[in-house]
């Protein structure tokens, strides 16, 4: 992975501790650029989290370059000073990280948010097809329980078909329509309604990725990178980012097709053509619409947690001024405390994950899928999603795996884990 990052990304590893990444349990990748206060806050939350005594957690801090100076993009002394402070802060921090290898990757060419995500981790190149990575942007703060939650979530989903990864954030809003389209006549045009979820704590599979701390399934991420590379010259084609308001893929659209809010966000970026030089987002700032479309076509979804009536999370965004937010600068959610996690929350989220000798075992409990409004999928839609999963991944599976999968759907046990996911 280091070779790819240095050569393909034109970056320089500034500082590295001596621990070996090959022995790590988890690799944390931080994406940063010019917000030193937020970087310090994120790194402090990494320090403050609870880890297994023998945990090996490697950290890479990727610092994006600033856009090249042109007639349209004038020099920005404040941005340059902010970026220099980020590099200095990160370089000092990696010398103190006690749990694994740590390094700063100082980018020499500007990438933007989408390219930074796509370039930071390639399991096919790094040999991490079975490893674990969590990718975190710099204005995120982590719960003290985030690592223990990720271990439990990984164990709980290991044999569940159709899981694209685990998100540390909460999903706060309905993404099937804007509030004004749902009958709220007083809502602003871009306002969203809360996601319709049960009030009790639990986990669910959702059709939007949740990028505020995302741990992709390595094989899914590798396939997504290949898929994106094949579409490098045509990212903006409808089929490559559009998902229906009901979560159905572009290929399954019917008359009256209406796009999800996320798809419409991306379409707005394309149509508006807003420029980075003016401090606004461009299509290059967004990859999540493409990941949602990729997953919808394949019957994949991301695991999310619902905690404290969906008011708490294992990671929160401070929604700092930048490519996605302006003028908010406050956390999206409260953070789950260790006392909450160890005081019964883990059992409520993962009732079948047992603890023994400090480790977690796999679960056989079904995990519900919900649509972009937050409603649990009915039987036909759940079966259709799992069938898309089987169509894409079942060809390389053993006859026994396919027979068990077909039997699971036939018995209407739609969340039944299988013994081997190809």
Foldseek 3Di string as FASTA:
>chain_A
DVVLCCPVQVWDWDDKDDFDPVPAQEEEEEEEEFAQVLQVQALVLVVLADDDPLHAYEYEYEYFYDADDDPLFHDDVNRVVRRVSNVVVQRVSQVPDDRGMYTYIYGPHGQAAQRCVLRVDACVVVVQLPHKYKYAYRQKHFASCLVVVQQLVCQACVQWFFAFWAAFAFQFFQFLAAPVVVPPVPDDRRHTDGFDADQFKAKAWELFQHRRIIIGNNVSSNVLSVVCVVCVVPCPPCQQQWAFSQLAAPVPDDPVTDTTNRSVVLVVLDVVVDDVSVQEAHNSNDDRSRSSNVSNLQLHTHMAIQPNSNQEGRMWGLQDRGHPHDDRRHTRHHYDHPCNCVVCSSCRHAVQWDDDPNHTHHGFDFHFYATSSNHTDDLVVLLVSVVSNCVVFVVPPDPVQVVVSVVCSVVSVSRGGTPDGD
